[in-house]
Every structure is written in structure tokens, then in C-alpha cells.
Amino acid sequence: MPEQPVRVLEEQKFDPPRRVEVDHNDAWHIGYQRAWRLCDDTRGWMAEVRWSAQHDWGLGTSDTMVTPDQVRLPVE
């Protein structure tokens, strides 16, 4: 039986996206948050973010959803 699609119950958008830092593999990367989303599954609020990191093969960009503890406002 196929899984049921996840539905967005509430969304708070940032227009324009706000600058944030995103935690990935215990390193913080500069990125942009487009929204907070609450879905009808068990994850709770998630941040929709885009961020980039330098790899051996070059610069990689990720568009993903992360938990609140993986996103923070940058220190100015």
C-alpha cells in the first residue's frame, strides 16, 4: 500500500527569504530560510532552507527541510 502524502497544516513564509545559518554534519553554513511549515506527520515545525557548502568536488547547494535546532539566525 502506498504511503499517504504529507499535507501542510500551517505555513509561515519569509518574503524575501531570511538569512540564517544551517547545521549540517556539525558545521554551520550560511543559507536562506523561505518558510516554517507544520505538516500532518510527527515531525512538528520544520524550516524550509537553501544552503551551500564547499566539497572536494566543488560547491554544492541543498534545498531541504530541517528541524528548528538545525537553523539559527546569524551572529552579526
PDB file of N, CA and C in Angstrom:
ATOM      1  N   MET A   1       0.845  -1.171   0.000  1.00  0.00           N
ATOM      2  CA  MET A   1       0.000   0.000   0.000  1.00  0.00           C
ATOM      3  C   MET A   1       0.899   1.246   0.000  1.00  0.00           C
ATOM      4  N   PRO A   2       0.656   2.185  -0.906  1.00  0.00           N
ATOM      5  CA  PRO A   2       1.472   3.400  -0.967  1.00  0.00           C
ATOM      6  C   PRO A   2       1.242   4.280   0.262  1.00  0.00           C
ATOM      7  N   GLU A   3       2.295   5.027   0.638  1.00  0.00           N
ATOM      8  CA  GLU A   3       2.179   5.941   1.770  1.00  0.00           C
ATOM      9  C   GLU A   3       1.289   7.121   1.410  1.00  0.00           C
ATOM     10  N   GLN A   4       0.602   7.639   2.413  1.00  0.00           N
ATOM     11  CA  GLN A   4      -0.230   8.815   2.215  1.00  0.00           C
ATOM     12  C   GLN A   4       0.665  10.048   2.098  1.00  0.00           C
ATOM     13  N   PRO A   5       0.318  10.998   1.224  1.00  0.00           N
ATOM     14  CA  PRO A   5       1.117  12.217   1.113  1.00  0.00           C
ATOM     15  C   PRO A   5       1.020  13.054   2.393  1.00  0.00           C
ATOM     16  N   VAL A   6       2.087  13.764   2.685  1.00  0.00           N
ATOM     17  CA  VAL A   6       2.109  14.650   3.843  1.00  0.00           C
ATOM     18  C   VAL A   6       1.476  15.973   3.437  1.00  0.00           C
ATOM     19  N   ARG A   7       0.564  16.481   4.265  1.00  0.00           N
ATOM     20  CA  ARG A   7      -0.112  17.747   3.984  1.00  0.00           C
ATOM     21  C   ARG A   7       0.440  18.842   4.896  1.00  0.00           C
ATOM     22  N   VAL A   8       0.534  20.056   4.352  1.00  0.00           N
ATOM     23  CA  VAL A   8       0.943  21.220   5.132  1.00  0.00           C
ATOM     24  C   VAL A   8      -0.287  21.763   5.857  1.00  0.00           C
ATOM     25  N   LEU A   9      -0.211  21.802   7.198  1.00  0.00           N
ATOM     26  CA  LEU A   9      -1.319  22.313   8.008  1.00  0.00           C
ATOM     27  C   LEU A   9      -1.224  23.823   8.200  1.00  0.00           C
ATOM     28  N   GLU A  10      -0.001  24.320   8.312  1.00  0.00           N
ATOM     29  CA  GLU A  10       0.218  25.750   8.506  1.00  0.00           C
ATOM     30  C   GLU A  10       1.571  26.101   7.908  1.00  0.00           C
ATOM     31  N   GLU A  11       1.673  27.333   7.382  1.00  0.00           N
ATOM     32  CA  GLU A  11       2.921  27.783   6.783  1.00  0.00           C
ATOM     33  C   GLU A  11       3.125  29.256   7.089  1.00  0.00           C
ATOM     34  N   GLN A  12       4.344  29.598   7.473  1.00  0.00           N
ATOM     35  CA  GLN A  12       4.730  30.992   7.701  1.00  0.00           C
ATOM     36  C   GLN A  12       5.900  31.288   6.773  1.00  0.00           C
ATOM     37  N   LYS A  13       5.641  32.076   5.717  1.00  0.00           N
ATOM     38  CA  LYS A  13       6.655  32.357   4.700  1.00  0.00           C
ATOM     39  C   LYS A  13       7.463  33.596   5.049  1.00  0.00           C
ATOM     40  N   PHE A  14       8.707  33.617   4.552  1.00  0.00           N
ATOM     41  CA  PHE A  14       9.575  34.792   4.632  1.00  0.00           C
ATOM     42  C   PHE A  14       9.749  35.311   3.206  1.00  0.00           C
ATOM     43  N   ASP A  15       9.310  36.540   2.954  1.00  0.00           N
ATOM     44  CA  ASP A  15       9.419  37.130   1.626  1.00  0.00           C
ATOM     45  C   ASP A  15       9.972  38.537   1.763  1.00  0.00           C
ATOM     46  N   PRO A  16      11.257  38.732   1.492  1.00  0.00           N
ATOM     47  CA  PRO A  16      12.190  37.780   0.908  1.00  0.00           C
ATOM     48  C   PRO A  16      12.673  36.766   1.944  1.00  0.00           C
ATOM     49  N   PRO A  17      13.284  35.670   1.495  1.00  0.00           N
ATOM     50  CA  PRO A  17      13.821  34.700   2.447  1.00  0.00           C
ATOM     51  C   PRO A  17      14.813  35.374   3.397  1.00  0.00           C
ATOM     52  N   ARG A  18      14.833  34.888   4.649  1.00  0.00           N
ATOM     53  CA  ARG A  18      15.740  35.494   5.620  1.00  0.00           C
ATOM     54  C   ARG A  18      17.047  34.714   5.692  1.00  0.00           C
ATOM     55  N   ARG A  19      18.119  35.442   5.953  1.00  0.00           N
ATOM     56  CA  ARG A  19      19.439  34.827   6.068  1.00  0.00           C
ATOM     57  C   ARG A  19      19.532  34.091   7.400  1.00  0.00           C
ATOM     58  N   VAL A  20      20.017  32.860   7.356  1.00  0.00           N
ATOM     59  CA  VAL A  20      20.159  32.021   8.545  1.00  0.00           C
ATOM     60  C   VAL A  20      21.454  31.229   8.432  1.00  0.00           C
ATOM     61  N   GLU A  21      21.772  30.513   9.504  1.00  0.00           N
ATOM     62  CA  GLU A  21      22.828  29.513   9.481  1.00  0.00           C
ATOM     63  C   GLU A  21      22.164  28.152   9.638  1.00  0.00           C
ATOM     64  N   VAL A  22      22.634  27.180   8.862  1.00  0.00           N
ATOM     65  CA  VAL A  22      22.049  25.840   8.848  1.00  0.00           C
ATOM     66  C   VAL A  22      23.105  24.834   9.300  1.00  0.00           C
ATOM     67  N   ASP A  23      22.762  24.006  10.268  1.00  0.00           N
ATOM     68  CA  ASP A  23      23.663  22.971  10.770  1.00  0.00           C
ATOM     69  C   ASP A  23      23.572  21.736   9.886  1.00  0.00           C
ATOM     70  N   HIS A  24      24.735  21.323   9.365  1.00  0.00           N
ATOM     71  CA  HIS A  24      24.815  20.095   8.574  1.00  0.00           C
ATOM     72  C   HIS A  24      26.130  19.410   8.918  1.00  0.00           C
ATOM     73  N   ASN A  25      26.062  18.180   9.414  1.00  0.00           N
ATOM     74  CA  ASN A  25      27.246  17.411   9.811  1.00  0.00           C
ATOM     75  C   ASN A  25      28.108  18.178  10.814  1.00  0.00           C
ATOM     76  N   ASP A  26      27.462  18.781  11.797  1.00  0.00           N
ATOM     77  CA  ASP A  26      28.140  19.515  12.875  1.00  0.00           C
ATOM     78  C   ASP A  26      28.915  20.738  12.409  1.00  0.00           C
ATOM     79  N   ALA A  27      28.546  21.316  11.278  1.00  0.00           N
ATOM     80  CA  ALA A  27      29.127  22.567  10.794  1.00  0.00           C
ATOM     81  C   ALA A  27      27.985  23.489  10.395  1.00  0.00           C
ATOM     82  N   TRP A  28      28.138  24.788  10.680  1.00  0.00           N
ATOM     83  CA  TRP A  28      27.106  25.768  10.351  1.00  0.00           C
ATOM     84  C   TRP A  28      27.439  26.425   9.013  1.00  0.00           C
ATOM     85  N   HIS A  29      26.440  26.475   8.120  1.00  0.00           N
ATOM     86  CA  HIS A  29      26.595  27.029   6.779  1.00  0.00           C
ATOM     87  C   HIS A  29      25.611  28.177   6.590  1.00  0.00           C
ATOM     88  N   ILE A  30      26.047  29.234   5.918  1.00  0.00           N
ATOM     89  CA  ILE A  30      25.149  30.344   5.607  1.00  0.00           C
ATOM     90  C   ILE A  30      24.110  29.872   4.597  1.00  0.00           C
ATOM     91  N   GLY A  31      22.872  30.242   4.845  1.00  0.00           N
ATOM     92  CA  GLY A  31      21.794  29.861   3.944  1.00  0.00           C
ATOM     93  C   GLY A  31      20.653  30.843   4.046  1.00  0.00           C
ATOM     94  N   TYR A  32      19.525  30.472   3.469  1.00  0.00           N
ATOM     95  CA  TYR A  32      18.320  31.303   3.476  1.00  0.00           C
ATOM     96  C   TYR A  32      17.113  30.448   3.809  1.00  0.00           C
ATOM     97  N   GLN A  33      16.277  30.966   4.696  1.00  0.00           N
ATOM     98  CA  GLN A  33      15.054  30.268   5.088  1.00  0.00           C
ATOM     99  C   GLN A  33      13.875  30.898   4.367  1.00  0.00           C
ATOM    100  N   ARG A  34      13.117  30.072   3.676  1.00  0.00           N
ATOM    101  CA  ARG A  34      11.939  30.552   2.946  1.00  0.00           C
ATOM    102  C   ARG A  34      10.657  30.422   3.743  1.00  0.00           C
ATOM    103  N   ALA A  35      10.615  29.468   4.708  1.00  0.00           N
ATOM    104  CA  ALA A  35       9.357  29.274   5.434  1.00  0.00           C
ATOM    105  C   ALA A  35       9.554  28.375   6.644  1.00  0.00           C
ATOM    106  N   TRP A  36       8.592  28.478   7.569  1.00  0.00           N
ATOM    107  CA  TRP A  36       8.352  27.469   8.600  1.00  0.00           C
ATOM    108  C   TRP A  36       7.133  26.701   8.127  1.00  0.00           C
ATOM    109  N   ARG A  37       7.148  25.380   8.250  1.00  0.00           N
ATOM    110  CA  ARG A  37       6.000  24.568   7.838  1.00  0.00           C
ATOM    111  C   ARG A  37       5.654  23.559   8.924  1.00  0.00           C
ATOM    112  N   LEU A  38       4.358  23.423   9.171  1.00  0.00           N
ATOM    113  CA  LEU A  38       3.833  22.406  10.078  1.00  0.00           C
ATOM    114  C   LEU A  38       3.041  21.428   9.227  1.00  0.00           C
ATOM    115  N   CYS A  39       3.489  20.170   9.196  1.00  0.00           N
ATOM    116  CA  CYS A  39       2.831  19.150   8.388  1.00  0.00           C
ATOM    117  C   CYS A  39       2.020  18.213   9.278  1.00  0.00           C
ATOM    118  N   ASP A  40       1.215  17.372   8.653  1.00  0.00           N
ATOM    119  CA  ASP A  40       0.325  16.477   9.398  1.00  0.00           C
ATOM    120  C   ASP A  40       0.987  15.164   9.791  1.00  0.00           C
ATOM    121  N   ASP A  41       2.327  15.144   9.836  1.00  0.00           N
ATOM    122  CA  ASP A  41       3.023  13.955  10.312  1.00  0.00           C
ATOM    123  C   ASP A  41       3.596  14.245  11.705  1.00  0.00           C
ATOM    124  N   THR A  42       4.558  13.478  12.145  1.00  0.00           N
ATOM    125  CA  THR A  42       5.052  13.589  13.528  1.00  0.00           C
ATOM    126  C   THR A  42       6.252  14.519  13.697  1.00  0.00           C
ATOM    127  N   ARG A  43       6.712  15.173  12.644  1.00  0.00           N
ATOM    128  CA  ARG A  43       7.934  15.979  12.727  1.00  0.00           C
ATOM    129  C   ARG A  43       7.763  17.321  13.420  1.00  0.00           C
ATOM    130  N   GLY A  44       6.572  17.857  13.466  1.00  0.00           N
ATOM    131  CA  GLY A  44       6.368  19.194  14.029  1.00  0.00           C
ATOM    132  C   GLY A  44       6.815  20.261  13.039  1.00  0.00           C
ATOM    133  N   TRP A  45       7.138  21.446  13.557  1.00  0.00           N
ATOM    134  CA  TRP A  45       7.563  22.549  12.699  1.00  0.00           C
ATOM    135  C   TRP A  45       8.908  22.238  12.060  1.00  0.00           C
ATOM    136  N   MET A  46       9.022  22.539  10.768  1.00  0.00           N
ATOM    137  CA  MET A  46      10.258  22.337  10.013  1.00  0.00           C
ATOM    138  C   MET A  46      10.572  23.620   9.241  1.00  0.00           C
ATOM    139  N   ALA A  47      11.859  23.899   9.080  1.00  0.00           N
ATOM    140  CA  ALA A  47      12.304  25.079   8.342  1.00  0.00           C
ATOM    141  C   ALA A  47      12.666  24.684   6.914  1.00  0.00           C
ATOM    142  N   GLU A  48      12.098  25.387   5.941  1.00  0.00           N
ATOM    143  CA  GLU A  48      12.478  25.183   4.545  1.00  0.00           C
ATOM    144  C   GLU A  48      13.667  26.086   4.267  1.00  0.00           C
ATOM    145  N   VAL A  49      14.817  25.489   3.936  1.00  0.00           N
ATOM    146  CA  VAL A  49      16.053  26.247   3.779  1.00  0.00           C
ATOM    147  C   VAL A  49      16.798  25.869   2.500  1.00  0.00           C
ATOM    148  N   ARG A  50      17.649  26.789   2.071  1.00  0.00           N
ATOM    149  CA  ARG A  50      18.602  26.551   0.985  1.00  0.00           C
ATOM    150  C   ARG A  50      19.957  27.000   1.509  1.00  0.00           C
ATOM    151  N   TRP A  51      20.972  26.149   1.363  1.00  0.00           N
ATOM    152  CA  TRP A  51      22.307  26.486   1.823  1.00  0.00           C
ATOM    153  C   TRP A  51      23.337  25.817   0.924  1.00  0.00           C
ATOM    154  N   SER A  52      24.567  26.325   0.993  1.00  0.00           N
ATOM    155  CA  SER A  52      25.650  25.803   0.164  1.00  0.00           C
ATOM    156  C   SER A  52      26.835  25.425   1.033  1.00  0.00           C
ATOM    157  N   ALA A  53      27.600  24.447   0.580  1.00  0.00           N
ATOM    158  CA  ALA A  53      28.810  24.015   1.270  1.00  0.00           C
ATOM    159  C   ALA A  53      29.853  23.606   0.235  1.00  0.00           C
ATOM    160  N   GLN A  54      31.100  23.892   0.559  1.00  0.00           N
ATOM    161  CA  GLN A  54      32.205  23.509  -0.320  1.00  0.00           C
ATOM    162  C   GLN A  54      32.557  22.040  -0.072  1.00  0.00           C
ATOM    163  N   HIS A  55      32.657  21.275  -1.148  1.00  0.00           N
ATOM    164  CA  HIS A  55      33.032  19.861  -1.094  1.00  0.00           C
ATOM    165  C   HIS A  55      34.312  19.659  -1.899  1.00  0.00           C
ATOM    166  N   ASP A  56      34.892  18.476  -1.829  1.00  0.00           N
ATOM    167  CA  ASP A  56      36.082  18.163  -2.630  1.00  0.00           C
ATOM    168  C   ASP A  56      35.809  18.353  -4.120  1.00  0.00           C
ATOM    169  N   TRP A  57      34.602  18.064  -4.540  1.00  0.00           N
ATOM    170  CA  TRP A  57      34.235  18.130  -5.950  1.00  0.00           C
ATOM    171  C   TRP A  57      33.701  19.494  -6.370  1.00  0.00           C
ATOM    172  N   GLY A  58      33.512  20.430  -5.412  1.00  0.00           N
ATOM    173  CA  GLY A  58      33.035  21.775  -5.748  1.00  0.00           C
ATOM    174  C   GLY A  58      31.938  22.220  -4.810  1.00  0.00           C
ATOM    175  N   LEU A  59      31.318  23.335  -5.142  1.00  0.00           N
ATOM    176  CA  LEU A  59      30.261  23.916  -4.315  1.00  0.00           C
ATOM    177  C   LEU A  59      28.945  23.172  -4.545  1.00  0.00           C
ATOM    178  N   GLY A  60      28.326  22.729  -3.462  1.00  0.00           N
ATOM    179  CA  GLY A  60      27.044  22.039  -3.548  1.00  0.00           C
ATOM    180  C   GLY A  60      25.968  22.832  -2.840  1.00  0.00           C
ATOM    181  N   THR A  61      24.789  22.894  -3.409  1.00  0.00           N
ATOM    182  CA  THR A  61      23.656  23.607  -2.826  1.00  0.00           C
ATOM    183  C   THR A  61      22.570  22.610  -2.469  1.00  0.00           C
ATOM    184  N   SER A  62      21.992  22.783  -1.285  1.00  0.00           N
ATOM    185  CA  SER A  62      20.908  21.907  -0.832  1.00  0.00           C
ATOM    186  C   SER A  62      19.649  22.714  -0.594  1.00  0.00           C
ATOM    187  N   ASP A  63      18.532  22.225  -1.069  1.00  0.00           N
ATOM    188  CA  ASP A  63      17.193  22.723  -0.768  1.00  0.00           C
ATOM    189  C   ASP A  63      16.532  21.637   0.058  1.00  0.00           C
ATOM    190  N   THR A  64      16.224  21.932   1.322  1.00  0.00           N
ATOM    191  CA  THR A  64      15.722  20.874   2.188  1.00  0.00           C
ATOM    192  C   THR A  64      14.895  21.444   3.327  1.00  0.00           C
ATOM    193  N   MET A  65      14.364  20.556   4.133  1.00  0.00           N
ATOM    194  CA  MET A  65      13.659  20.907   5.357  1.00  0.00           C
ATOM    195  C   MET A  65      14.505  20.422   6.522  1.00  0.00           C
ATOM    196  N   VAL A  66      14.659  21.282   7.546  1.00  0.00           N
ATOM    197  CA  VAL A  66      15.440  20.912   8.722  1.00  0.00           C
ATOM    198  C   VAL A  66      14.633  21.208   9.976  1.00  0.00           C
ATOM    199  N   THR A  67      15.013  20.563  11.071  1.00  0.00           N
ATOM    200  CA  THR A  67      14.348  20.791  12.352  1.00  0.00           C
ATOM    201  C   THR A  67      14.773  22.145  12.930  1.00  0.00           C
ATOM    202  N   PRO A  68      13.985  22.692  13.856  1.00  0.00           N
ATOM    203  CA  PRO A  68      14.313  24.006  14.422  1.00  0.00           C
ATOM    204  C   PRO A  68      15.703  24.099  15.046  1.00  0.00           C
ATOM    205  N   ASP A  69      16.223  23.011  15.608  1.00  0.00           N
ATOM    206  CA  ASP A  69      17.553  23.075  16.218  1.00  0.00           C
ATOM    207  C   ASP A  69      18.680  23.078  15.182  1.00  0.00           C
ATOM    208  N   GLN A  70      18.349  22.924  13.908  1.00  0.00           N
ATOM    209  CA  GLN A  70      19.351  22.953  12.847  1.00  0.00           C
ATOM    210  C   GLN A  70      19.388  24.278  12.104  1.00  0.00           C
ATOM    211  N   VAL A  71      18.671  25.274  12.602  1.00  0.00           N
ATOM    212  CA  VAL A  71      18.655  26.586  11.957  1.00  0.00           C
ATOM    213  C   VAL A  71      18.748  27.654  13.030  1.00  0.00           C
ATOM    214  N   ARG A  72      19.527  28.697  12.756  1.00  0.00           N
ATOM    215  CA  ARG A  72      19.655  29.805  13.701  1.00  0.00           C
ATOM    216  C   ARG A  72      19.921  31.087  12.916  1.00  0.00           C
ATOM    217  N   LEU A  73      19.597  32.216  13.560  1.00  0.00           N
ATOM    218  CA  LEU A  73      19.919  33.498  12.964  1.00  0.00           C
ATOM    219  C   LEU A  73      21.424  33.718  13.057  1.00  0.00           C
ATOM    220  N   PRO A  74      22.042  34.303  12.020  1.00  0.00           N
ATOM    221  CA  PRO A  74      23.485  34.501  12.077  1.00  0.00           C
ATOM    222  C   PRO A  74      23.864  35.562  13.114  1.00  0.00           C
ATOM    223  N   VAL A  75      25.052  35.394  13.675  1.00  0.00           N
ATOM    224  CA  VAL A  75      25.579  36.380  14.610  1.00  0.00           C
ATOM    225  C   VAL A  75      26.114  37.538  13.785  1.00  0.00           C
ATOM    226  N   GLU A  76      25.643  38.731  14.057  1.00  0.00           N
ATOM    227  CA  GLU A  76      26.074  39.901  13.279  1.00  0.00           C
ATOM    228  C   GLU A  76      27.294  40.530  13.875  1.00  0.00           C
TER     229      GLU A  76
END
